[in-house]
Protein backbone atom coordinates (compact mmCIF):
# COMPACT_ATOMS: atom_id res chain seq x y z
CA MET A 1 -4.12 18.88 4.09
CA LYS A 2 -5.03 15.21 4.34
CA ARG A 3 -2.58 12.91 6.09
CA ILE A 4 -1.64 10.94 2.96
CA ALA A 5 -1.12 14.13 0.96
CA SER A 6 1.20 15.44 3.67
CA VAL A 7 3.53 12.49 3.08
CA PHE A 8 4.11 13.65 -0.48
CA SER A 9 4.38 17.35 0.37
CA ARG A 10 8.03 16.99 1.47
CA PRO A 11 10.28 18.07 -1.42
CA GLU A 12 12.04 15.15 -3.11
CA HIS A 13 11.09 12.76 -0.30
CA LYS A 14 10.42 9.23 -1.52
CA ALA A 15 7.62 7.47 0.34
CA LEU A 16 8.22 3.97 1.70
CA ILE A 17 4.97 2.02 1.97
CA PRO A 18 5.08 -1.50 3.44
CA TYR A 19 2.23 -4.00 3.32
CA VAL A 20 1.35 -6.42 6.12
CA THR A 21 -1.52 -8.89 6.29
CA VAL A 22 -3.51 -8.20 9.45
CA GLY A 23 -3.31 -11.21 11.75
CA TYR A 24 -0.35 -12.92 10.07
CA PRO A 25 1.39 -14.80 11.48
CA GLY A 26 -0.69 -13.66 14.45
CA ILE A 27 -2.58 -10.62 15.72
CA GLU A 28 0.14 -9.75 18.22
CA ALA A 29 2.71 -9.76 15.39
CA THR A 30 0.67 -7.12 13.54
CA LEU A 31 0.42 -4.96 16.64
CA GLU A 32 4.19 -5.20 17.09
CA VAL A 33 5.41 -4.84 13.50
CA VAL A 34 3.45 -1.72 12.47
CA PRO A 35 5.01 0.55 15.16
CA LEU A 36 8.37 -0.95 14.21
CA LEU A 37 7.78 -0.07 10.56
CA ALA A 38 6.90 3.49 11.52
CA SER A 39 10.03 3.88 13.66
CA ALA A 40 12.23 2.38 10.91
CA GLY A 41 11.27 5.13 8.46
CA CYS A 42 8.09 4.03 6.70
CA ASP A 43 5.68 6.75 5.65
CA ILE A 44 2.38 4.88 5.20
CA VAL A 45 1.43 1.32 6.17
CA GLU A 46 -0.91 -0.83 4.11
CA LEU A 47 -2.96 -3.17 6.28
CA GLY A 48 -4.22 -6.12 4.27
CA ILE A 49 -7.67 -7.38 5.23
CA PRO A 50 -7.50 -11.16 4.65
CA PHE A 51 -9.91 -12.44 2.03
CA SER A 52 -10.64 -15.91 0.69
CA ASP A 53 -10.23 -14.92 -2.98
CA PRO A 54 -7.38 -12.38 -3.19
CA LEU A 55 -7.19 -12.23 -6.98
CA ALA A 56 -4.41 -9.62 -7.17
CA ASP A 57 -2.12 -11.47 -4.77
CA GLY A 58 0.53 -14.08 -5.44
CA ALA A 59 1.34 -17.20 -3.43
CA THR A 60 3.06 -15.44 -0.51
CA ILE A 61 0.22 -13.08 0.36
CA GLN A 62 -2.42 -15.70 -0.48
CA LYS A 63 -0.82 -17.99 2.11
CA ALA A 64 -0.68 -15.18 4.67
CA SER A 65 -4.31 -14.27 4.00
CA PHE A 66 -5.42 -17.90 4.38
CA GLN A 67 -3.56 -18.27 7.67
CA ALA A 68 -5.01 -15.01 9.00
CA LEU A 69 -8.51 -16.24 8.15
CA GLN A 70 -7.72 -19.47 9.98
CA ASN A 71 -6.68 -17.28 12.93
CA GLY A 72 -10.19 -15.83 12.97
CA VAL A 73 -9.38 -12.42 11.46
CA THR A 74 -12.45 -10.59 10.13
CA PRO A 75 -12.96 -7.08 8.70
CA ALA A 76 -14.40 -6.04 12.07
CA LEU A 77 -11.29 -7.28 13.86
CA CYS A 78 -9.08 -5.50 11.30
CA LEU A 79 -10.90 -2.26 12.11
CA GLU A 80 -10.36 -2.88 15.81
CA ILE A 81 -6.64 -3.52 15.26
CA ALA A 82 -6.35 -0.43 13.06
CA GLY A 83 -7.90 1.59 15.86
CA GLN A 84 -5.26 0.33 18.27
CA LEU A 85 -2.46 1.00 15.80
CA SER A 86 -3.64 4.53 15.01
CA GLN A 87 -3.07 5.33 18.68
CA LYS A 88 0.48 3.99 18.50
CA VAL A 89 1.82 5.48 15.26
CA ASP A 90 1.76 8.93 13.68
CA ILE A 91 1.83 7.79 10.04
CA PRO A 92 -1.21 7.19 7.82
CA LEU A 93 -2.81 3.74 7.73
CA VAL A 94 -4.42 2.38 4.56
CA PHE A 95 -6.54 -0.73 4.14
CA MET A 96 -5.79 -3.00 1.19
CA THR A 97 -8.88 -5.11 0.60
CA TYR A 98 -11.34 -6.35 -1.99
CA PHE A 99 -14.79 -5.05 -2.76
CA ASN A 100 -16.80 -8.02 -1.52
CA PRO A 101 -15.80 -7.69 2.17
CA VAL A 102 -16.52 -3.94 2.04
CA PHE A 103 -19.87 -4.46 0.29
CA SER A 104 -20.86 -7.24 2.71
CA TYR A 105 -19.95 -5.05 5.68
CA GLY A 106 -21.94 -2.15 4.23
CA LEU A 107 -20.27 0.72 2.37
CA GLU A 108 -21.44 3.49 4.67
CA LYS A 109 -20.82 1.51 7.86
CA PHE A 110 -17.38 0.39 6.70
CA CYS A 111 -16.29 3.94 5.89
CA ASN A 112 -17.71 5.23 9.16
CA ASP A 113 -15.78 2.60 11.07
CA CYS A 114 -12.62 3.30 9.06
CA ALA A 115 -12.83 6.97 9.98
CA SER A 116 -13.42 6.08 13.64
CA SER A 117 -10.45 3.69 13.59
CA GLY A 118 -8.05 6.24 12.10
CA VAL A 119 -7.80 4.63 8.67
CA ASN A 120 -6.84 7.24 6.08
CA GLY A 121 -7.20 5.39 2.79
CA LEU A 122 -8.58 2.38 0.91
CA ILE A 123 -6.98 0.36 -1.89
CA ILE A 124 -9.41 -2.03 -3.58
CA PRO A 125 -7.76 -3.76 -6.57
CA ASP A 126 -10.99 -5.24 -7.97
CA LEU A 127 -12.93 -1.95 -7.89
CA PRO A 128 -12.52 -0.07 -11.20
CA PRO A 129 -13.30 3.66 -11.24
CA GLU A 130 -16.25 3.02 -13.55
CA GLU A 131 -17.94 1.20 -10.65
CA GLY A 132 -16.54 3.21 -7.75
CA SER A 133 -18.63 6.38 -7.74
CA LYS A 134 -20.84 5.37 -4.80
CA LEU A 135 -17.90 4.42 -2.59
CA GLU A 136 -16.01 7.51 -3.77
CA ALA A 137 -18.81 9.77 -2.59
CA ILE A 138 -18.84 8.15 0.85
CA THR A 139 -15.06 8.18 1.28
CA ARG A 140 -14.86 11.84 0.28
CA GLU A 141 -17.52 12.68 2.84
CA LYS A 142 -15.56 10.82 5.53
CA GLY A 143 -12.17 12.27 4.55
CA ILE A 144 -10.81 8.90 3.41
CA ASP A 145 -8.72 8.58 0.24
CA LEU A 146 -9.91 5.97 -2.28
CA ILE A 147 -6.76 4.96 -4.15
CA TYR A 148 -7.08 3.44 -7.62
CA LEU A 149 -4.61 1.22 -9.44
CA LEU A 150 -3.13 1.31 -12.93
CA ALA A 151 -1.29 -1.49 -14.75
CA PRO A 152 1.17 -1.38 -17.66
CA THR A 153 -1.70 -2.57 -19.87
CA SER A 154 -3.91 0.41 -18.94
CA THR A 155 -5.13 2.44 -21.91
CA GLU A 156 -4.63 6.18 -22.20
CA GLU A 157 -8.34 6.61 -21.51
CA ARG A 158 -8.09 4.55 -18.30
CA ILE A 159 -4.99 6.47 -17.18
CA LYS A 160 -6.82 9.77 -17.56
CA LEU A 161 -9.86 8.43 -15.70
CA VAL A 162 -7.83 7.15 -12.76
CA ALA A 163 -5.80 10.38 -12.69
CA GLU A 164 -9.07 12.30 -12.27
CA ARG A 165 -10.59 10.00 -9.67
CA SER A 166 -7.82 8.55 -7.49
CA GLN A 167 -7.23 10.24 -4.16
CA GLY A 168 -4.03 10.35 -2.10
CA PHE A 169 -1.84 8.77 -4.75
CA ILE A 170 -2.06 6.45 -7.74
CA TYR A 171 -0.95 2.86 -7.23
CA LEU A 172 1.08 1.70 -10.23
CA VAL A 173 1.30 -2.06 -10.63
CA SER A 174 4.81 -2.73 -11.93
CA VAL A 175 3.85 -5.80 -13.98
CA ALA A 176 0.80 -7.34 -15.61
CA GLY A 177 0.44 -9.99 -12.93
CA VAL A 178 0.02 -10.64 -9.22
CA THR A 179 2.04 -9.64 -6.19
CA GLY A 180 5.24 -11.49 -5.34
CA THR A 181 9.01 -11.10 -5.13
CA ARG A 182 10.80 -10.99 -8.49
CA VAL A 183 14.39 -11.15 -9.65
CA GLY A 184 14.24 -7.87 -11.53
CA LEU A 185 12.00 -4.96 -12.43
CA SER A 186 10.03 -4.88 -15.64
CA SER A 187 12.01 -3.40 -18.53
CA GLY A 188 8.99 -1.29 -19.46
CA LEU A 189 8.40 0.17 -16.00
CA GLU A 190 9.99 3.56 -16.69
CA THR A 191 7.97 3.97 -19.88
CA PHE A 192 4.79 3.11 -17.98
CA VAL A 193 5.52 5.60 -15.18
CA ASN A 194 6.28 8.31 -17.74
CA ARG A 195 2.99 7.63 -19.54
CA VAL A 196 1.10 8.29 -16.33
CA ARG A 197 3.30 11.23 -15.33
CA LYS A 198 2.39 13.05 -18.54
CA VAL A 199 -1.27 13.31 -17.58
CA THR A 200 -1.22 13.91 -13.82
CA ALA A 201 0.58 15.69 -11.01
CA GLN A 202 -0.70 13.10 -8.51
CA PRO A 203 1.94 11.17 -6.54
CA LEU A 204 2.79 7.86 -8.21
CA CYS A 205 3.70 4.84 -6.08
CA VAL A 206 4.92 1.56 -7.54
CA GLY A 207 4.20 -1.87 -6.09
CA PHE A 208 4.11 -5.58 -7.02
CA GLY A 209 7.47 -7.34 -7.21
CA ILE A 210 9.79 -4.92 -5.38
CA SER A 211 11.83 -7.07 -3.01
CA THR A 212 15.33 -5.59 -2.58
CA PRO A 213 16.77 -2.22 -1.55
CA GLU A 214 18.40 -1.97 -4.98
CA GLN A 215 15.06 -2.41 -6.75
CA ALA A 216 13.50 0.18 -4.44
CA GLY A 217 16.25 2.63 -5.35
CA ARG A 218 15.63 2.12 -9.05
CA VAL A 219 11.92 2.72 -8.57
CA ALA A 220 12.70 5.91 -6.64
CA LEU A 221 14.38 7.28 -9.75
CA MET A 222 11.01 7.13 -11.51
CA ALA A 223 8.25 7.41 -8.92
CA ASP A 224 7.25 9.16 -5.71
CA GLY A 225 6.86 6.08 -3.56
CA VAL A 226 7.79 2.42 -3.23
CA ILE A 227 5.38 -0.27 -2.03
CA ILE A 228 6.78 -3.53 -0.65
CA GLY A 229 4.62 -6.44 0.46
CA SER A 230 5.58 -10.04 -0.28
CA ARG A 231 9.18 -9.66 0.87
CA LEU A 232 8.02 -8.33 4.23
CA ILE A 233 5.56 -11.20 4.60
CA GLN A 234 8.44 -13.61 3.99
CA LEU A 235 10.52 -11.89 6.67
CA MET A 236 7.60 -12.15 9.08
CA GLU A 237 7.93 -15.92 8.74
CA THR A 238 11.53 -16.03 10.03
CA ASP A 239 12.52 -16.92 13.60
CA ASP A 240 13.70 -13.37 14.31
CA GLN A 241 10.89 -11.72 12.37
CA LEU A 242 10.95 -8.25 13.94
CA LYS A 243 14.73 -7.92 13.69
CA SER A 244 14.68 -9.13 10.08
CA VAL A 245 11.94 -6.66 9.14
CA ASP A 246 13.66 -3.80 10.95
CA THR A 247 17.00 -4.45 9.24
CA PHE A 248 15.45 -4.74 5.79
CA VAL A 249 13.26 -1.64 6.10
CA LYS A 250 16.14 0.48 7.37
CA GLU A 251 18.26 -0.67 4.41
CA VAL A 252 15.51 0.36 1.99
CA ARG A 253 14.98 3.68 3.77
CA SER A 254 18.72 4.36 3.58
CA VAL A 255 18.73 3.76 -0.17
CA LEU A 256 15.73 6.06 -0.68
CA ASP A 257 17.30 8.78 1.49
CA LYS A 258 20.55 8.61 -0.46
CA PHE A 259 18.58 9.12 -3.63
CA THR A 260 16.82 12.13 -2.10
CA LYS A 261 20.10 13.74 -1.04
CA LYS A 262 21.59 13.12 -4.45
CA THR A 263 18.60 14.77 -6.09
CA LYS A 264 18.82 17.81 -3.82
CA ARG A 265 22.52 18.32 -4.64
CA HIS A 266 21.70 18.49 -8.30
C-alpha cells in the first residue's frame, strides 16, 4: 500500500493536511514547523514550491510565495529540504506546485528527484487531467501519486474523469475561487461533495478557505480529509509562530478526533 493510501485506510479517521510554503518566512522555519505539524497530529504535509504566478492562491499564499522567492528558494532547494524533512517525519509529504516549474525542471528528472527526496505526491492546480497523461505515466512508474483537483463548477464528465485518474485522493476546492481564509463554508459544499461521492470510492479532501477548528469539523462530516493553508501561513507570521501553529493544529486535530469517536459510537 502506498503511503498516502495508508492514511485513509484507518476506519473513520479524518485526515488533517496542512500546507506550508517552503522557505517562508525562512528555510529554518520550514525545517522546524513540518516536524511540529507531524507531532501535533497531521497526517500529510503539503509543501508549497514558491512560484511567481500562483494562479490558484489568494493574497496570503501569494505573499508567502513572493517572500520565499526573495529568500532564494528554488525547486531544487525545495527538493533538498523535502529530503531533509523525509528523514525527520514518518508522514507522507506532497508537493503543491504549478506545471511550469515542473516542466522547466524536466518531468522525468523532477519525478526522479521527488522519489529520491521522499516526496509521495504532487498537486498541480493548473494541470488538467486532459493534459496530464505524460506526467501521470512517470509518476506511476516512480510510485508518486498525482492528485487532481475538482471545483464546485466541475461538470459530471470532469468529475468522472478525475475520479478515474487521480491518485492518492481527490482534492476538492470548496469554492469557485482562490485560497484564503473565509468567514464561513460555502452553502453548496455538501452538495458538491455528495456529487463526487456518488461516482468514486476515492478519499475526498476539502481545501480552500478552511480556517477554524469549527469549519474543519463541519468538513469532516462530509469528507475524508481537511486541508488548511492560509491560516497556517498567517500563524507563521506571528512572534510565537511555532507555538501558535502547534496550538491551532492540536485544536483542529481534537475536533476531528471527536468526530471520529462520535461516528464509531453510532
